[in-house]
C-alpha cells in the first residue's frame, strides 16, 4: 500500500473563517479562543452590527447561536463555516440543508482531543483538480466543503460552452456532472467528450448523476458507459468522496468488503497516473493498515468532522 502523500496545514491564514459554536461550557469557549490566538489568528466575537464584509484575512468569526440569515450571508461571501458543539438533529438538518458539512460533535469527542486538527486541512503532493458541472446549489456547496478540506482545486460552472472549453484546455482529474441538467443533450455531450478524449492525454474520472426515470434511458446509458463506470445520486457522490479521500494508490481495509461501498483510488501504469472507481473493495493485509493508521492518526481524525453525515446521506 502506498504511504499517505500528504500532511495537515492550517486553515484561515489566507482567508477568514466562521466558527459556529453551541452548547460549550465557559471553560471550553475559553480554551477555543486561546487555541485560535495561539495559532496567530484574531477571534472576532459576534455582535449585532457585525457583517461578514468586515472580516479580514486571518480573522475567525465566532457565532454563539443559529442566525439563519447570517449563515446564508457568510455562505454568499464564500466564507468557510465550521460548527463545533453539542447539536440536536434539527440543527444538523439546518446545516445539511444549507451546505454546511464540517461539524465537530462534542457529544462524541472532547475538545482537547480534536484540537490538533480542528482548524486544519489536508494537502497532498498528488494535486487534484475538479470541475463541477451541475446546478444544485447546496450539492455544490457540500462538494466545495469536502474539496476544501482535502485541498482539491475546483471550478464550478453550469455553462455548457465554458465547461467544454475548460475541459478541452485544462487538465482535471475529476468531473462531477449532472447528465440531465448540464444544458447539453446527452448524445451531443457524448460526442463532445469523444472529441476531447482524442486530443487530451487522459480524460477525467467522471462522477455522474442520472435520473433513471427519464425517457430514452437505454439510449443514454449506451453512450455514457464509455465515460462512466457507475452512476450515482448526489448523496451517493458525497458519500463516495468522503469514503475515498484522502486518496492512496491502493487502499486496504479492516472491514469485510461487503460492508463497503465503491471508492476511488489512484492507478499507476508505465506512463502516468489516473483515478479509477473500485466497485468491490477487498481486504488486503489488515496489519499493514493498522500500522499505517497509528502513524497517521491526525489525518484519520480530520475525517471525523464528516462522520455525522452517514445517516443524512443514507436517508435524504
Protein backbone atom coordinates (compact mmCIF):
# COMPACT_ATOMS: atom_id res chain seq x y z
CA UNK A 1 0.00 0.00 0.00
CA UNK A 2 1.25 3.46 -0.85
CA UNK A 3 2.05 5.65 2.13
CA UNK A 4 -0.02 8.78 2.63
CA UNK A 5 1.37 11.50 0.39
CA UNK A 6 0.07 14.49 2.31
CA UNK A 7 0.08 16.42 5.54
CA UNK A 8 -2.10 18.82 7.50
CA UNK A 9 -1.83 22.60 7.20
CA UNK A 10 -3.58 25.49 8.94
CA UNK A 11 -6.91 26.91 7.78
CA UNK A 12 -7.71 30.60 7.91
CA UNK A 13 -4.27 32.03 7.17
CA UNK A 14 -5.19 33.48 3.78
CA UNK A 15 -8.95 33.92 4.22
CA UNK A 16 -11.40 34.42 7.10
CA UNK A 17 -13.29 31.57 8.74
CA UNK A 18 -16.59 31.38 10.62
CA UNK A 19 -16.87 29.10 13.64
CA UNK A 20 -20.41 28.39 14.88
CA UNK A 21 -20.40 27.04 18.43
CA UNK A 22 -23.28 25.75 20.53
CA UNK A 23 -23.55 24.19 23.97
CA UNK A 24 -19.97 24.90 25.01
CA UNK A 25 -19.10 25.41 28.65
CA UNK A 26 -17.34 28.61 29.72
CA UNK A 27 -14.09 26.65 30.06
CA UNK A 28 -14.47 25.12 26.59
CA UNK A 29 -15.09 28.52 24.99
CA UNK A 30 -12.04 29.98 26.73
CA UNK A 31 -9.99 27.01 25.51
CA UNK A 32 -11.27 27.55 21.96
CA UNK A 33 -10.44 31.27 21.96
CA UNK A 34 -6.99 30.54 23.38
CA UNK A 35 -6.41 27.94 20.66
CA UNK A 36 -7.31 30.49 17.96
CA UNK A 37 -4.95 33.10 19.43
CA UNK A 38 -2.18 30.52 19.77
CA UNK A 39 -2.44 29.89 16.03
CA UNK A 40 -1.88 33.59 15.39
CA UNK A 41 -5.48 34.26 14.30
CA UNK A 42 -7.77 37.00 15.53
CA UNK A 43 -11.01 35.77 17.18
CA UNK A 44 -13.95 38.06 16.34
CA UNK A 45 -16.98 37.59 18.59
CA UNK A 46 -20.43 38.14 17.11
CA UNK A 47 -22.28 41.41 17.74
CA UNK A 48 -25.50 42.58 16.06
CA UNK A 49 -23.74 45.22 13.97
CA UNK A 50 -21.06 42.86 12.67
CA UNK A 51 -21.14 41.91 8.98
CA UNK A 52 -19.12 39.29 7.07
CA UNK A 53 -17.79 42.01 4.77
CA UNK A 54 -15.79 43.38 7.73
CA UNK A 55 -13.77 40.19 8.14
CA UNK A 56 -10.11 40.27 7.16
CA UNK A 57 -7.59 37.61 6.22
CA UNK A 58 -6.76 35.55 9.29
CA UNK A 59 -9.92 36.51 11.22
CA UNK A 60 -12.01 33.75 12.79
CA UNK A 61 -15.61 34.84 13.33
CA UNK A 62 -17.22 33.13 16.36
CA UNK A 63 -21.01 32.86 16.37
CA UNK A 64 -22.70 31.60 19.52
CA UNK A 65 -26.16 30.82 18.13
CA UNK A 66 -28.06 29.96 14.96
CA UNK A 67 -28.79 33.01 12.83
CA UNK A 68 -30.17 31.69 9.55
CA UNK A 69 -29.77 34.95 7.64
CA UNK A 70 -26.21 35.41 8.88
CA UNK A 71 -25.23 31.85 7.93
CA UNK A 72 -26.60 32.38 4.44
CA UNK A 73 -24.75 35.70 4.15
CA UNK A 74 -21.50 34.01 5.17
CA UNK A 75 -22.06 31.35 2.52
CA UNK A 76 -22.81 34.02 -0.08
CA UNK A 77 -19.44 35.59 0.75
CA UNK A 78 -17.84 32.14 0.28
CA UNK A 79 -16.63 32.16 3.88
CA UNK A 80 -15.88 28.69 5.18
CA UNK A 81 -18.14 27.66 8.09
CA UNK A 82 -17.14 25.10 10.72
CA UNK A 83 -19.52 24.08 13.52
CA UNK A 84 -18.49 22.77 16.92
CA UNK A 85 -20.61 21.86 19.92
CA UNK A 86 -23.45 19.68 21.08
CA UNK A 87 -26.07 19.74 18.37
CA UNK A 88 -29.61 18.43 18.09
CA UNK A 89 -30.88 16.70 14.95
CA UNK A 90 -32.82 19.83 13.92
CA UNK A 91 -29.64 21.90 13.97
CA UNK A 92 -27.72 19.30 11.97
CA UNK A 93 -30.56 19.24 9.45
CA UNK A 94 -30.29 23.02 9.07
CA UNK A 95 -26.56 22.69 8.42
CA UNK A 96 -27.04 19.91 5.89
CA UNK A 97 -29.77 21.78 4.00
CA UNK A 98 -27.52 24.84 3.69
CA UNK A 99 -24.41 23.03 2.54
CA UNK A 100 -22.51 23.21 5.86
CA UNK A 101 -20.65 19.93 6.21
CA UNK A 102 -17.85 20.40 8.77
CA UNK A 103 -19.29 19.63 12.20
CA UNK A 104 -17.32 18.61 15.27
CA UNK A 105 -19.79 16.96 17.64
CA UNK A 106 -18.68 17.32 21.26
CA UNK A 107 -21.19 14.64 22.23
CA UNK A 108 -18.68 12.23 20.66
CA UNK A 109 -15.30 13.93 21.07
CA UNK A 110 -13.59 16.04 23.69
CA UNK A 111 -12.47 19.47 22.52
CA UNK A 112 -8.92 18.71 23.65
CA UNK A 113 -8.83 15.55 21.52
CA UNK A 114 -9.85 17.25 18.27
CA UNK A 115 -7.90 20.49 18.81
CA UNK A 116 -4.85 19.25 16.82
CA UNK A 117 -6.99 19.03 13.65
CA UNK A 118 -9.88 21.43 14.37
CA UNK A 119 -8.76 24.26 12.09
CA UNK A 120 -6.65 22.35 9.60
CA UNK A 121 -6.96 20.86 6.14
CA UNK A 122 -5.23 18.05 4.33
CA UNK A 123 -2.88 18.76 1.46
CA UNK A 124 -1.35 16.18 -0.85
CA UNK A 125 1.68 16.11 -3.11
CA UNK A 126 -0.61 14.48 -5.68
CA UNK A 127 -2.63 17.57 -6.54
CA UNK A 128 -6.22 17.06 -7.69
CA UNK A 129 -8.27 19.40 -9.89
CA UNK A 130 -12.03 19.03 -10.22
CA UNK A 131 -14.75 20.51 -12.42
CA UNK A 132 -18.30 20.68 -11.02
CA UNK A 133 -20.88 20.78 -13.82
CA UNK A 134 -24.31 20.89 -12.20
CA UNK A 135 -26.82 23.41 -10.89
CA UNK A 136 -27.81 22.12 -7.43
CA UNK A 137 -26.59 24.94 -5.17
CA UNK A 138 -26.50 23.00 -1.90
CA UNK A 139 -24.89 19.96 -3.51
CA UNK A 140 -22.19 22.23 -4.93
CA UNK A 141 -21.59 23.81 -1.51
CA UNK A 142 -21.28 20.36 0.06
CA UNK A 143 -18.78 19.31 -2.59
CA UNK A 144 -16.80 22.51 -2.12
CA UNK A 145 -16.53 21.88 1.63
CA UNK A 146 -15.14 18.38 1.04
CA UNK A 147 -12.75 19.67 -1.61
CA UNK A 148 -11.57 22.50 0.66
CA UNK A 149 -10.79 20.07 3.49
CA UNK A 150 -8.67 17.97 1.13
CA UNK A 151 -7.13 20.93 -0.75
CA UNK A 152 -8.64 19.95 -4.08
CA UNK A 153 -8.74 22.80 -6.61
CA UNK A 154 -12.11 23.13 -8.29
CA UNK A 155 -14.12 25.18 -10.77
CA UNK A 156 -17.90 25.21 -10.67
CA UNK A 157 -19.97 26.37 -13.65
CA UNK A 158 -23.08 25.02 -15.33
CA UNK A 159 -22.42 26.95 -18.55
CA UNK A 160 -22.02 24.32 -21.31
CA UNK A 161 -19.74 26.38 -23.57
CA UNK A 162 -17.45 27.30 -20.70
CA UNK A 163 -17.41 23.74 -19.35
CA UNK A 164 -16.48 22.14 -22.68
CA UNK A 165 -13.82 24.77 -23.35
CA UNK A 166 -12.34 24.33 -19.87
CA UNK A 167 -12.28 20.54 -20.20
CA UNK A 168 -10.54 20.91 -23.56
CA UNK A 169 -7.92 23.39 -22.39
CA UNK A 170 -7.19 22.26 -18.82
CA UNK A 171 -6.29 19.07 -17.02
CA UNK A 172 -8.82 17.79 -14.50
CA UNK A 173 -8.65 14.55 -12.57
CA UNK A 174 -12.34 14.67 -11.55
CA UNK A 175 -15.51 15.77 -13.34
CA UNK A 176 -18.79 15.85 -11.43
CA UNK A 177 -21.65 16.17 -13.88
CA UNK A 178 -25.43 16.04 -13.71
CA UNK A 179 -26.13 14.46 -17.09
CA UNK A 180 -29.77 15.56 -17.13
CA UNK A 181 -29.19 19.19 -16.10
CA UNK A 182 -25.94 20.19 -17.79
CA UNK A 183 -27.57 22.16 -20.62
CA UNK A 184 -26.50 19.75 -23.37
CA UNK A 185 -28.43 16.83 -24.87
CA UNK A 186 -26.72 13.67 -23.65
CA UNK A 187 -25.86 12.18 -27.04
CA UNK A 188 -24.40 15.52 -28.16
CA UNK A 189 -22.38 15.68 -24.95
CA UNK A 190 -21.05 12.16 -25.52
CA UNK A 191 -19.93 13.30 -28.97
CA UNK A 192 -18.11 16.30 -27.45
CA UNK A 193 -16.46 14.10 -24.83
CA UNK A 194 -15.22 11.75 -27.55
CA UNK A 195 -13.62 14.70 -29.35
CA UNK A 196 -11.97 15.93 -26.17
CA UNK A 197 -10.69 12.46 -25.28
CA UNK A 198 -8.92 12.24 -28.65
CA UNK A 199 -6.91 15.40 -28.08
CA UNK A 200 -6.26 15.04 -24.33
CA UNK A 201 -3.73 12.66 -22.86
CA UNK A 202 -6.32 11.42 -20.41
CA UNK A 203 -9.97 12.15 -19.65
CA UNK A 204 -11.01 12.97 -16.07
CA UNK A 205 -12.69 10.45 -13.81
CA UNK A 206 -16.44 11.14 -14.05
CA UNK A 207 -18.78 11.04 -11.08
CA UNK A 208 -22.08 11.22 -12.94
CA UNK A 209 -25.62 11.93 -11.74
CA UNK A 210 -28.51 10.44 -13.74
CA UNK A 211 -32.28 10.37 -13.28
CA UNK A 212 -33.29 6.79 -14.09
CA UNK A 213 -36.93 7.79 -14.59
CA UNK A 214 -36.10 9.84 -17.71
CA UNK A 215 -37.15 8.76 -21.19
CA UNK A 216 -34.65 7.19 -23.60
CA UNK A 217 -32.68 5.88 -20.64
CA UNK A 218 -31.23 2.88 -22.50
CA UNK A 219 -30.02 5.08 -25.37
CA UNK A 220 -28.37 7.46 -22.92
CA UNK A 221 -26.69 4.69 -20.95
CA UNK A 222 -25.25 3.12 -24.08
CA UNK A 223 -23.13 6.20 -24.74
CA UNK A 224 -22.48 7.16 -21.13
CA UNK A 225 -20.87 3.83 -20.26
CA UNK A 226 -17.83 4.89 -22.34
CA UNK A 227 -17.07 7.52 -19.71
CA UNK A 228 -18.95 6.43 -16.56
CA UNK A 229 -18.34 3.12 -14.82
CA UNK A 230 -21.28 3.82 -12.49
CA UNK A 231 -23.96 6.45 -11.94
CA UNK A 232 -24.91 7.99 -8.62
CA UNK A 233 -27.38 10.19 -6.81
CA UNK A 234 -25.98 13.47 -5.40
CA UNK A 235 -25.82 11.99 -1.89
CA UNK A 236 -24.07 8.88 -3.19
CA UNK A 237 -21.40 11.09 -4.77
CA UNK A 238 -20.84 12.90 -1.48
CA UNK A 239 -20.55 9.53 0.29
CA UNK A 240 -18.16 8.26 -2.41
CA UNK A 241 -15.77 11.18 -1.92
CA UNK A 242 -15.97 11.05 1.87
CA UNK A 243 -15.19 7.34 1.75
CA UNK A 244 -12.32 7.77 -0.72
CA UNK A 245 -10.42 10.85 0.49
CA UNK A 246 -7.57 11.21 1.11
CA UNK A 247 -6.59 9.16 -1.92
CA UNK A 248 -3.95 6.43 -1.96
CA UNK A 249 -2.72 4.34 -4.85
CA UNK A 250 -4.29 1.34 -3.14
CA UNK A 251 -6.49 1.31 -0.08
CA UNK A 252 -6.66 -1.60 2.32
CA UNK A 253 -9.47 -2.28 4.73
CA UNK A 254 -10.08 -3.97 8.03
CA UNK A 255 -13.83 -4.25 7.33
CA UNK A 256 -15.42 -7.00 5.31
CA UNK A 257 -15.65 -5.78 1.72
CA UNK A 258 -19.42 -6.43 1.66
CA UNK A 259 -19.83 -3.59 4.17
CA UNK A 260 -18.04 -1.08 1.96
CA UNK A 261 -19.33 0.98 -0.91
CA UNK A 262 -17.34 1.85 -4.04
CA UNK A 263 -14.30 4.05 -3.63
CA UNK A 264 -11.81 5.91 -5.82
CA UNK A 265 -8.07 5.36 -5.86
CA UNK A 266 -5.04 6.12 -8.00
CA UNK A 267 -3.96 3.67 -10.68
CA UNK A 268 -0.40 3.76 -11.93
CA UNK A 269 0.78 2.49 -15.30
CA UNK A 270 4.07 2.87 -17.13
CA UNK A 271 3.37 6.41 -18.32
CA UNK A 272 1.03 8.19 -15.90
CA UNK A 273 -1.44 8.05 -13.03
CA UNK A 274 -5.22 8.19 -13.24
CA UNK A 275 -8.21 7.78 -10.96
CA UNK A 276 -10.36 4.67 -11.12
CA UNK A 277 -13.55 3.56 -9.39
CA UNK A 278 -13.35 0.28 -7.48
CA UNK A 279 -16.85 -1.16 -7.06
CA UNK A 280 -15.83 -4.16 -4.92
CA UNK A 281 -13.03 -3.33 -2.48
CA UNK A 282 -11.40 -6.33 -0.85
CA UNK A 283 -9.42 -6.95 2.32
CA UNK A 284 -5.65 -6.82 1.91
CA UNK A 285 -3.09 -7.06 4.72
CA UNK A 286 -5.08 -5.54 7.60
CA UNK A 287 -1.92 -5.49 9.76
CA UNK A 288 -0.34 -3.00 7.34
CA UNK A 289 -3.47 -0.89 7.60
CA UNK A 290 -3.23 -0.87 11.39
CA UNK A 291 0.40 0.23 11.35
CA UNK A 292 -0.36 2.99 8.84
CA UNK A 293 -3.23 4.34 10.90
CA UNK A 294 -1.06 4.57 14.01
CA UNK A 295 1.43 6.72 12.10
CA UNK A 296 -1.22 8.99 10.64
CA UNK A 297 -3.73 9.48 13.43
CA UNK A 298 -4.29 13.18 12.71
CA UNK A 299 -5.09 12.52 9.06
CA UNK A 300 -7.62 9.89 10.09
CA UNK A 301 -9.08 12.16 12.77
CA UNK A 302 -9.71 15.01 10.34
CA UNK A 303 -12.24 12.78 8.55
CA UNK A 304 -14.37 12.64 11.69
CA UNK A 305 -15.85 16.10 11.06
CA UNK A 306 -17.95 14.35 8.40
CA UNK A 307 -18.96 11.26 10.41
CA UNK A 308 -22.33 12.80 11.37
CA UNK A 309 -23.34 12.72 7.68
CA UNK A 310 -23.73 8.94 7.48
CA UNK A 311 -27.43 8.91 8.39
CA UNK A 312 -28.19 12.04 6.34
CA UNK A 313 -26.66 10.70 3.15
CA UNK A 314 -28.46 7.38 3.52
CA UNK A 315 -31.91 8.83 4.25
CA UNK A 316 -32.01 12.20 2.46
